[in-house]
């Protein structure tokens, strides 16, 4: 499957849908994965192996990869860390009809809300979900997310060129404790990830309120 992304418009799963939304001056590309399309919309240019054919623009988006920095600030950890005996939370983000939302799924409850300020993009929803997880616990935490962008930006693998407000807030909440990020594949039946996706979308459709749901009886 291909994904078609139009700057400042959104992502489409067919060329027919994409073409209908094109206007003069539109910047758009096709991708082999949804994650690559999301990164393109948020201005992150990574090495898309054979998947960045430009359907209608030759503009260079610029490189935002931080090639020179491998330092892992604070207490952030990545895939190789063990989450045994650490609180586990699944997070997700979404953007529907111009509203971004995020969710944090704990063992027995979900907390979700729309992004309170700034632009609304899928990546801002993803970051907001992580912030909700961090806001609602003060202990060490293992965060599962399908957002490679969020993991890389919060572990200093990408150079920051936007979303400064949410990134700064997340990093401040990460200080003084161990925060482990684990990447999970989206939409493949992982129970808590599917729950996170459901409530991130709910937050987009029901904005400006912090929602809390008991999910102890759902599984």
C-alpha atoms as a PDB file:
ATOM      1  CA  UNK A   1       0.000   0.000   0.000  1.00  0.00           C
ATOM      2  CA  UNK A   2       1.092   3.551  -0.714  1.00  0.00           C
ATOM      3  CA  UNK A   3       0.413   6.621   1.385  1.00  0.00           C
ATOM      4  CA  UNK A   4       0.107  10.072  -0.162  1.00  0.00           C
ATOM      5  CA  UNK A   5       0.834  13.138   1.964  1.00  0.00           C
ATOM      6  CA  UNK A   6       0.015  16.755   1.113  1.00  0.00           C
ATOM      7  CA  UNK A   7       1.694  19.439   3.195  1.00  0.00           C
ATOM      8  CA  UNK A   8      -0.778  21.234   5.482  1.00  0.00           C
ATOM      9  CA  UNK A   9      -3.611  18.969   4.320  1.00  0.00           C
ATOM     10  CA  UNK A  10      -3.144  15.376   5.416  1.00  0.00           C
ATOM     11  CA  UNK A  11      -2.497  11.749   4.447  1.00  0.00           C
ATOM     12  CA  UNK A  12      -4.477   9.712   1.937  1.00  0.00           C
ATOM     13  CA  UNK A  13      -4.450   6.000   1.161  1.00  0.00           C
ATOM     14  CA  UNK A  14      -5.231   6.363  -2.532  1.00  0.00           C
ATOM     15  CA  UNK A  15      -3.971   8.593  -5.321  1.00  0.00           C
ATOM     16  CA  UNK A  16      -7.559   9.377  -6.334  1.00  0.00           C
ATOM     17  CA  UNK A  17      -8.358  10.841  -2.899  1.00  0.00           C
ATOM     18  CA  UNK A  18      -5.078  12.720  -2.812  1.00  0.00           C
ATOM     19  CA  UNK A  19      -5.549  14.209  -6.282  1.00  0.00           C
ATOM     20  CA  UNK A  20      -8.942  15.614  -5.313  1.00  0.00           C
ATOM     21  CA  UNK A  21      -7.322  17.693  -2.546  1.00  0.00           C
ATOM     22  CA  UNK A  22      -4.496  19.108  -4.636  1.00  0.00           C
ATOM     23  CA  UNK A  23      -4.447  22.816  -5.366  1.00  0.00           C
ATOM     24  CA  UNK A  24      -1.984  25.059  -7.148  1.00  0.00           C
ATOM     25  CA  UNK A  25       1.316  25.044  -5.283  1.00  0.00           C
ATOM     26  CA  UNK A  26       0.572  21.890  -3.259  1.00  0.00           C
ATOM     27  CA  UNK A  27       3.643  20.054  -1.959  1.00  0.00           C
ATOM     28  CA  UNK A  28       3.052  16.320  -1.876  1.00  0.00           C
ATOM     29  CA  UNK A  29       4.833  12.960  -1.985  1.00  0.00           C
ATOM     30  CA  UNK A  30       4.096   9.253  -1.909  1.00  0.00           C
ATOM     31  CA  UNK A  31       5.464   6.872   0.723  1.00  0.00           C
ATOM     32  CA  UNK A  32       5.488   3.169   1.395  1.00  0.00           C
ATOM     33  CA  UNK A  33       4.626   3.551   5.101  1.00  0.00           C
ATOM     34  CA  UNK A  34       2.280   5.818   7.036  1.00  0.00           C
ATOM     35  CA  UNK A  35       5.047   6.761   9.478  1.00  0.00           C
ATOM     36  CA  UNK A  36       7.179   8.195   6.668  1.00  0.00           C
ATOM     37  CA  UNK A  37       4.208  10.234   5.482  1.00  0.00           C
ATOM     38  CA  UNK A  38       3.668  11.575   9.004  1.00  0.00           C
ATOM     39  CA  UNK A  39       7.322  12.596   9.302  1.00  0.00           C
ATOM     40  CA  UNK A  40       7.081  14.385   5.951  1.00  0.00           C
ATOM     41  CA  UNK A  41       4.060  16.396   7.130  1.00  0.00           C
ATOM     42  CA  UNK A  42       5.928  17.466  10.256  1.00  0.00           C
ATOM     43  CA  UNK A  43       9.050  18.474   8.359  1.00  0.00           C
ATOM     44  CA  UNK A  44      11.332  15.599   9.354  1.00  0.00           C
ATOM     45  CA  UNK A  45      13.413  14.375   6.410  1.00  0.00           C
ATOM     46  CA  UNK A  46      14.848  10.917   7.014  1.00  0.00           C
ATOM     47  CA  UNK A  47      16.288   8.469   4.506  1.00  0.00           C
ATOM     48  CA  UNK A  48      13.236   6.987   2.819  1.00  0.00           C
ATOM     49  CA  UNK A  49      14.591   3.937   1.061  1.00  0.00           C
ATOM     50  CA  UNK A  50      13.013   3.944  -2.372  1.00  0.00           C
ATOM     51  CA  UNK A  51       9.797   5.532  -1.140  1.00  0.00           C
ATOM     52  CA  UNK A  52      10.105   9.258  -1.627  1.00  0.00           C
ATOM     53  CA  UNK A  53       9.081   9.672  -5.235  1.00  0.00           C
ATOM     54  CA  UNK A  54       7.869  13.254  -5.455  1.00  0.00           C
ATOM     55  CA  UNK A  55       4.508  13.252  -7.230  1.00  0.00           C
ATOM     56  CA  UNK A  56       4.400  17.007  -7.769  1.00  0.00           C
ATOM     57  CA  UNK A  57       7.158  19.012  -6.130  1.00  0.00           C
ATOM     58  CA  UNK A  58      10.924  19.246  -6.347  1.00  0.00           C
ATOM     59  CA  UNK A  59      11.323  21.502  -3.335  1.00  0.00           C
ATOM     60  CA  UNK A  60      13.979  20.333  -0.904  1.00  0.00           C
ATOM     61  CA  UNK A  61      12.443  20.044   2.539  1.00  0.00           C
ATOM     62  CA  UNK A  62      15.858  20.187   4.190  1.00  0.00           C
ATOM     63  CA  UNK A  63      17.522  17.735   6.496  1.00  0.00           C
ATOM     64  CA  UNK A  64      16.507  17.705  10.138  1.00  0.00           C
ATOM     65  CA  UNK A  65      18.437  14.631  11.150  1.00  0.00           C
ATOM     66  CA  UNK A  66      20.960  15.388  13.851  1.00  0.00           C
ATOM     67  CA  UNK A  67      23.897  13.384  12.567  1.00  0.00           C
ATOM     68  CA  UNK A  68      26.411  14.643  15.090  1.00  0.00           C
ATOM     69  CA  UNK A  69      24.576  14.034  18.337  1.00  0.00           C
ATOM     70  CA  UNK A  70      24.420  10.611  19.960  1.00  0.00           C
ATOM     71  CA  UNK A  71      24.324  11.887  23.531  1.00  0.00           C
ATOM     72  CA  UNK A  72      21.285  10.633  25.393  1.00  0.00           C
ATOM     73  CA  UNK A  73      20.326  13.454  27.759  1.00  0.00           C
ATOM     74  CA  UNK A  74      18.767  12.910  31.156  1.00  0.00           C
ATOM     75  CA  UNK A  75      17.394   9.499  31.981  1.00  0.00           C
ATOM     76  CA  UNK A  76      15.908   8.529  28.641  1.00  0.00           C
ATOM     77  CA  UNK A  77      16.432   4.923  27.566  1.00  0.00           C
ATOM     78  CA  UNK A  78      15.630   3.140  24.330  1.00  0.00           C
ATOM     79  CA  UNK A  79      14.812  -0.326  23.050  1.00  0.00           C
ATOM     80  CA  UNK A  80      17.520  -2.329  24.793  1.00  0.00           C
ATOM     81  CA  UNK A  81      16.381  -1.468  28.321  1.00  0.00           C
ATOM     82  CA  UNK A  82      14.358  -3.940  30.359  1.00  0.00           C
ATOM     83  CA  UNK A  83      10.900  -2.800  31.490  1.00  0.00           C
ATOM     84  CA  UNK A  84      10.610  -5.466  34.183  1.00  0.00           C
ATOM     85  CA  UNK A  85       9.168  -4.089  37.441  1.00  0.00           C
ATOM     86  CA  UNK A  86       8.542  -0.673  35.842  1.00  0.00           C
ATOM     87  CA  UNK A  87       5.158   0.906  35.206  1.00  0.00           C
ATOM     88  CA  UNK A  88       4.116   0.353  31.578  1.00  0.00           C
ATOM     89  CA  UNK A  89       1.973   2.837  29.643  1.00  0.00           C
ATOM     90  CA  UNK A  90       0.834   2.784  26.018  1.00  0.00           C
ATOM     91  CA  UNK A  91       0.396   6.115  24.267  1.00  0.00           C
ATOM     92  CA  UNK A  92      -0.891   7.230  20.897  1.00  0.00           C
ATOM     93  CA  UNK A  93      -1.843  10.349  18.991  1.00  0.00           C
ATOM     94  CA  UNK A  94      -4.143  11.264  16.163  1.00  0.00           C
ATOM     95  CA  UNK A  95      -5.278  14.209  14.084  1.00  0.00           C
ATOM     96  CA  UNK A  96      -8.836  14.288  12.727  1.00  0.00           C
ATOM     97  CA  UNK A  97     -10.549  17.205  11.001  1.00  0.00           C
ATOM     98  CA  UNK A  98      -7.847  19.597  12.102  1.00  0.00           C
ATOM     99  CA  UNK A  99      -7.884  18.587  15.784  1.00  0.00           C
ATOM    100  CA  UNK A 100      -5.021  16.652  17.406  1.00  0.00           C
ATOM    101  CA  UNK A 101      -5.517  14.369  20.369  1.00  0.00           C
ATOM    102  CA  UNK A 102      -3.442  12.045  22.507  1.00  0.00           C
ATOM    103  CA  UNK A 103      -4.056   9.205  24.914  1.00  0.00           C
ATOM    104  CA  UNK A 104      -2.220   7.362  27.664  1.00  0.00           C
ATOM    105  CA  UNK A 105      -3.353   3.846  28.535  1.00  0.00           C
ATOM    106  CA  UNK A 106      -2.520   2.495  31.971  1.00  0.00           C
ATOM    107  CA  UNK A 107      -3.408  -0.997  33.154  1.00  0.00           C
ATOM    108  CA  UNK A 108      -6.948  -0.130  34.204  1.00  0.00           C
ATOM    109  CA  UNK A 109      -7.617   3.361  32.873  1.00  0.00           C
ATOM    110  CA  UNK A 110      -7.231   5.658  29.899  1.00  0.00           C
ATOM    111  CA  UNK A 111      -6.567   9.392  30.012  1.00  0.00           C
ATOM    112  CA  UNK A 112      -7.051  11.327  26.777  1.00  0.00           C
ATOM    113  CA  UNK A 113      -7.520  14.898  25.599  1.00  0.00           C
ATOM    114  CA  UNK A 114      -7.040  17.139  22.610  1.00  0.00           C
ATOM    115  CA  UNK A 115      -3.832  19.132  22.221  1.00  0.00           C
ATOM    116  CA  UNK A 116      -4.577  22.357  24.121  1.00  0.00           C
ATOM    117  CA  UNK A 117      -2.679  24.850  21.982  1.00  0.00           C
ATOM    118  CA  UNK A 118      -0.543  25.406  18.902  1.00  0.00           C
ATOM    119  CA  UNK A 119      -0.796  23.696  15.550  1.00  0.00           C
ATOM    120  CA  UNK A 120      -2.647  20.445  15.166  1.00  0.00           C
ATOM    121  CA  UNK A 121      -0.704  17.591  13.562  1.00  0.00           C
ATOM    122  CA  UNK A 122      -0.453  13.862  14.123  1.00  0.00           C
ATOM    123  CA  UNK A 123       2.998  14.190  15.691  1.00  0.00           C
ATOM    124  CA  UNK A 124       1.747  16.787  18.174  1.00  0.00           C
ATOM    125  CA  UNK A 125      -0.957  14.319  19.130  1.00  0.00           C
ATOM    126  CA  UNK A 126       1.685  11.627  19.661  1.00  0.00           C
ATOM    127  CA  UNK A 127       3.775  13.923  21.866  1.00  0.00           C
ATOM    128  CA  UNK A 128       0.680  14.958  23.807  1.00  0.00           C
ATOM    129  CA  UNK A 129      -0.104  11.317  24.550  1.00  0.00           C
ATOM    130  CA  UNK A 130       3.374  10.876  26.022  1.00  0.00           C
ATOM    131  CA  UNK A 131       2.923  14.045  28.080  1.00  0.00           C
ATOM    132  CA  UNK A 132      -0.352  12.674  29.469  1.00  0.00           C
ATOM    133  CA  UNK A 133       1.492   9.516  30.538  1.00  0.00           C
ATOM    134  CA  UNK A 134       4.244  11.522  32.220  1.00  0.00           C
ATOM    135  CA  UNK A 135       1.832  13.927  33.907  1.00  0.00           C
ATOM    136  CA  UNK A 136      -0.099  11.124  35.530  1.00  0.00           C
ATOM    137  CA  UNK A 137       2.811   9.321  37.160  1.00  0.00           C
ATOM    138  CA  UNK A 138       5.934  10.440  38.995  1.00  0.00           C
ATOM    139  CA  UNK A 139       7.709   7.089  38.997  1.00  0.00           C
ATOM    140  CA  UNK A 140       9.961   5.376  36.486  1.00  0.00           C
ATOM    141  CA  UNK A 141       7.954   4.485  33.414  1.00  0.00           C
ATOM    142  CA  UNK A 142       8.183   2.419  30.246  1.00  0.00           C
ATOM    143  CA  UNK A 143       6.263   4.075  27.416  1.00  0.00           C
ATOM    144  CA  UNK A 144       5.134   2.041  24.405  1.00  0.00           C
ATOM    145  CA  UNK A 145       4.376   4.108  21.311  1.00  0.00           C
ATOM    146  CA  UNK A 146       4.095   3.535  17.575  1.00  0.00           C
ATOM    147  CA  UNK A 147       5.584   7.003  16.953  1.00  0.00           C
ATOM    148  CA  UNK A 148       9.189   6.737  15.815  1.00  0.00           C
ATOM    149  CA  UNK A 149       9.179  10.529  15.557  1.00  0.00           C
ATOM    150  CA  UNK A 150       8.407  10.951  19.281  1.00  0.00           C
ATOM    151  CA  UNK A 151      11.007   8.403  20.357  1.00  0.00           C
ATOM    152  CA  UNK A 152      13.716   9.925  18.183  1.00  0.00           C
ATOM    153  CA  UNK A 153      12.948  13.542  19.023  1.00  0.00           C
ATOM    154  CA  UNK A 154      12.828  12.889  22.794  1.00  0.00           C
ATOM    155  CA  UNK A 155      16.057  10.886  22.716  1.00  0.00           C
ATOM    156  CA  UNK A 156      17.892  13.549  20.688  1.00  0.00           C
ATOM    157  CA  UNK A 157      18.176  11.494  17.510  1.00  0.00           C
ATOM    158  CA  UNK A 158      16.361  14.169  15.484  1.00  0.00           C
ATOM    159  CA  UNK A 159      17.171  17.852  15.486  1.00  0.00           C
ATOM    160  CA  UNK A 160      14.226  19.864  16.800  1.00  0.00           C
ATOM    161  CA  UNK A 161      12.777  22.283  14.251  1.00  0.00           C
ATOM    162  CA  UNK A 162       9.172  22.492  15.482  1.00  0.00           C
ATOM    163  CA  UNK A 163       6.885  21.388  18.319  1.00  0.00           C
ATOM    164  CA  UNK A 164       9.255  23.072  20.762  1.00  0.00           C
ATOM    165  CA  UNK A 165       6.532  23.612  23.375  1.00  0.00           C
ATOM    166  CA  UNK A 166       5.494  19.963  23.642  1.00  0.00           C
ATOM    167  CA  UNK A 167       9.048  18.622  23.430  1.00  0.00           C
ATOM    168  CA  UNK A 168      10.233  20.941  26.200  1.00  0.00           C
ATOM    169  CA  UNK A 169       7.289  19.980  28.386  1.00  0.00           C
ATOM    170  CA  UNK A 170       7.874  16.257  27.852  1.00  0.00           C
ATOM    171  CA  UNK A 171      11.599  16.542  28.559  1.00  0.00           C
ATOM    172  CA  UNK A 172      10.956  18.499  31.764  1.00  0.00           C
ATOM    173  CA  UNK A 173       8.560  15.800  32.935  1.00  0.00           C
ATOM    174  CA  UNK A 174      11.180  13.144  32.175  1.00  0.00           C
ATOM    175  CA  UNK A 175      13.776  14.660  34.499  1.00  0.00           C
ATOM    176  CA  UNK A 176      14.694  12.863  37.699  1.00  0.00           C
ATOM    177  CA  UNK A 177      13.430   9.427  36.731  1.00  0.00           C
ATOM    178  CA  UNK A 178      14.005   6.639  34.254  1.00  0.00           C
ATOM    179  CA  UNK A 179      11.891   6.843  31.119  1.00  0.00           C
ATOM    180  CA  UNK A 180      12.167   3.933  28.692  1.00  0.00           C
ATOM    181  CA  UNK A 181      10.678   4.156  25.208  1.00  0.00           C
ATOM    182  CA  UNK A 182       9.631   1.033  23.321  1.00  0.00           C
ATOM    183  CA  UNK A 183       8.449   1.175  19.726  1.00  0.00           C
ATOM    184  CA  UNK A 184       5.461  -0.957  18.770  1.00  0.00           C
ATOM    185  CA  UNK A 185       3.994  -1.535  15.339  1.00  0.00           C
ATOM    186  CA  UNK A 186       0.710   0.261  14.763  1.00  0.00           C
ATOM    187  CA  UNK A 187      -2.583  -1.410  13.857  1.00  0.00           C
ATOM    188  CA  UNK A 188      -1.401  -4.990  14.268  1.00  0.00           C
ATOM    189  CA  UNK A 189      -3.632  -6.164  17.108  1.00  0.00           C
ATOM    190  CA  UNK A 190      -1.563  -5.195  20.156  1.00  0.00           C
ATOM    191  CA  UNK A 191      -4.339  -4.786  22.711  1.00  0.00           C
ATOM    192  CA  UNK A 192      -3.245  -1.686  24.618  1.00  0.00           C
ATOM    193  CA  UNK A 193      -1.953  -0.006  21.464  1.00  0.00           C
ATOM    194  CA  UNK A 194      -5.352  -0.468  19.839  1.00  0.00           C
ATOM    195  CA  UNK A 195      -7.010   1.004  22.939  1.00  0.00           C
ATOM    196  CA  UNK A 196      -4.624   3.963  22.794  1.00  0.00           C
ATOM    197  CA  UNK A 197      -5.477   4.523  19.132  1.00  0.00           C
ATOM    198  CA  UNK A 198      -9.222   4.393  19.843  1.00  0.00           C
ATOM    199  CA  UNK A 199      -9.094   6.995  22.603  1.00  0.00           C
ATOM    200  CA  UNK A 200      -6.666   9.312  20.812  1.00  0.00           C
ATOM    201  CA  UNK A 201      -9.274   9.506  18.056  1.00  0.00           C
ATOM    202  CA  UNK A 202     -11.995  10.002  20.664  1.00  0.00           C
ATOM    203  CA  UNK A 203     -10.079  12.976  22.053  1.00  0.00           C
ATOM    204  CA  UNK A 204      -9.975  14.545  18.576  1.00  0.00           C
ATOM    205  CA  UNK A 205     -13.736  14.221  18.254  1.00  0.00           C
ATOM    206  CA  UNK A 206     -14.390  15.445  21.813  1.00  0.00           C
ATOM    207  CA  UNK A 207     -11.874  18.285  22.300  1.00  0.00           C
ATOM    208  CA  UNK A 208     -11.137  20.709  25.138  1.00  0.00           C
ATOM    209  CA  UNK A 209     -11.861  18.202  27.910  1.00  0.00           C
ATOM    210  CA  UNK A 210      -9.581  15.773  29.750  1.00  0.00           C
ATOM    211  CA  UNK A 211     -11.341  12.400  29.608  1.00  0.00           C
ATOM    212  CA  UNK A 212     -10.710   9.478  31.966  1.00  0.00           C
ATOM    213  CA  UNK A 213     -12.113   6.009  31.294  1.00  0.00           C
ATOM    214  CA  UNK A 214     -12.074   2.843  33.387  1.00  0.00           C
ATOM    215  CA  UNK A 215     -10.992  -0.066  31.154  1.00  0.00           C
ATOM    216  CA  UNK A 216     -10.553  -2.673  33.873  1.00  0.00           C
ATOM    217  CA  UNK A 217     -13.556  -4.651  32.583  1.00  0.00           C
ATOM    218  CA  UNK A 218     -12.851  -4.332  28.864  1.00  0.00           C
ATOM    219  CA  UNK A 219     -10.217  -7.022  28.376  1.00  0.00           C
END
